[in-house]
Protein backbone atom coordinates (compact mmCIF):
# COMPACT_ATOMS: atom_id res chain seq x y z
CA MET A 1 0.00 0.00 0.00
CA LYS A 2 1.35 3.41 -0.96
CA ARG A 3 1.70 5.91 1.83
CA PHE A 4 0.81 9.52 1.10
CA THR A 5 2.73 12.49 2.50
CA LYS A 6 1.21 15.92 1.98
CA ASN A 7 4.00 18.03 0.52
CA ASP A 8 2.25 20.82 -1.35
CA ILE A 9 4.77 23.49 -2.23
CA GLY A 10 5.31 25.46 -5.41
CA PHE A 11 8.35 24.82 -7.59
CA LYS A 12 10.04 25.87 -10.81
CA CYS A 13 9.36 23.47 -13.70
CA ILE A 14 12.54 21.82 -15.00
CA ASN A 15 11.09 21.62 -18.51
CA CYS A 16 9.43 24.98 -19.24
CA GLY A 17 10.73 27.12 -16.36
CA VAL A 18 7.33 28.37 -15.15
CA MET A 19 6.76 28.84 -11.42
CA VAL A 20 4.17 26.20 -10.52
CA PRO A 21 1.88 27.14 -7.59
CA PRO A 22 0.86 24.78 -4.77
CA LEU A 23 -2.27 22.72 -5.43
CA PHE A 24 -3.79 23.48 -1.98
CA MET A 25 -5.41 20.06 -1.59
CA SER A 26 -2.74 17.46 -2.26
CA SER A 27 0.93 17.27 -3.18
CA ARG A 28 1.52 18.90 -6.54
CA ASP A 29 4.18 16.96 -8.42
CA HIS A 30 3.93 18.10 -12.04
CA CYS A 31 3.78 21.32 -14.00
CA ASN A 32 0.23 22.41 -14.70
CA ILE A 33 1.36 24.06 -17.97
CA CYS A 34 3.56 21.48 -19.78
CA LEU A 35 2.66 18.48 -17.53
CA HIS A 36 6.33 17.46 -17.04
CA SER A 37 7.52 16.37 -13.63
CA ARG A 38 10.64 15.30 -11.77
CA HIS A 39 11.18 11.78 -10.45
CA VAL A 40 11.28 12.68 -6.76
CA ASP A 41 8.82 10.38 -4.98
CA ILE A 42 8.92 6.74 -3.97
CA ASN A 43 5.52 7.07 -2.29
CA PRO A 44 3.33 10.09 -3.17
CA GLY A 45 4.68 13.27 -1.59
CA ASP A 46 7.68 11.73 0.22
CA ARG A 47 10.35 13.31 -2.07
CA ALA A 48 12.59 10.32 -1.16
CA ASN A 49 13.59 9.16 -4.65
CA GLU A 50 17.23 9.88 -5.45
CA CYS A 51 16.75 9.60 -9.24
CA ARG A 52 15.61 13.22 -9.81
CA GLY A 53 15.25 12.55 -13.57
CA MET A 54 12.77 14.40 -15.76
CA LEU A 55 9.41 12.67 -16.10
CA LYS A 56 7.99 13.22 -19.57
CA PRO A 57 4.25 12.70 -20.12
CA ILE A 58 3.87 9.91 -22.68
CA SER A 59 0.16 9.10 -22.50
CA ILE A 60 -3.11 9.98 -20.85
CA THR A 61 -5.95 7.65 -19.89
CA VAL A 62 -9.31 8.23 -18.27
CA ASP A 63 -10.13 6.45 -15.03
CA GLY A 64 -13.76 6.35 -13.87
CA LYS A 65 -12.82 7.38 -10.33
CA LYS A 66 -9.64 9.44 -10.77
CA GLY A 67 -10.40 11.25 -14.01
CA TYR A 68 -7.42 11.90 -16.28
CA VAL A 69 -4.31 9.87 -15.42
CA ILE A 70 -0.98 10.96 -16.87
CA THR A 71 1.59 8.25 -17.62
CA TYR A 72 5.21 9.39 -17.39
CA LYS A 73 8.51 7.89 -18.47
CA CYS A 74 11.65 8.91 -16.58
CA GLY A 75 14.46 10.09 -18.85
CA THR A 76 17.08 8.87 -16.36
CA CYS A 77 15.97 5.48 -15.00
CA GLN A 78 13.26 4.70 -17.61
CA SER A 79 10.61 4.03 -14.90
CA ILE A 80 6.97 4.31 -15.92
CA ILE A 81 4.83 6.22 -13.41
CA ASN A 82 1.11 7.10 -13.35
CA ASN A 83 -0.26 10.23 -11.76
CA LYS A 84 -3.68 11.82 -11.50
CA ALA A 85 -4.06 15.07 -13.43
CA ALA A 86 -4.88 18.19 -11.40
CA GLU A 87 -7.98 20.32 -12.00
CA ASP A 88 -5.87 23.28 -13.18
CA ASP A 89 -3.74 21.28 -15.64
CA ASN A 90 -3.43 22.66 -19.16
CA PHE A 91 -6.29 20.86 -20.93
CA GLU A 92 -4.92 21.77 -24.36
CA GLU A 93 -1.69 19.93 -23.51
CA ILE A 94 -3.72 16.93 -22.32
CA LEU A 95 -5.57 16.90 -25.66
CA ARG A 96 -2.28 17.23 -27.59
CA ILE A 97 -0.87 14.19 -25.79
CA CYS A 98 -4.09 12.25 -26.41
CA LYS A 99 -3.86 13.01 -30.16
CA GLN A 100 -0.24 11.75 -30.23
CA GLN A 101 -1.42 8.42 -28.79
CA ARG A 102 -3.57 7.68 -31.85
């Protein structure tokens, strides 16, 4: 079972450079503009992963309970990670990724 640690702080995106604000309800872990992330968690919010590679969004699926789920691939360790999209994520970027999947 994954343990969750609330760790909701803003950060600068390593892909596009935008300052990403806190989510104010969970632990934000990806850029709401370009959807990229950094491989920092072992369990959600713990920031205990030493990899620190860039997580690139490679696909998006829809889950009946979670809504949009972003699948990432780490550019350093090649891990595949799934993460729930946030309400303020760039929907145009989500659609662009969905079109690439076809």
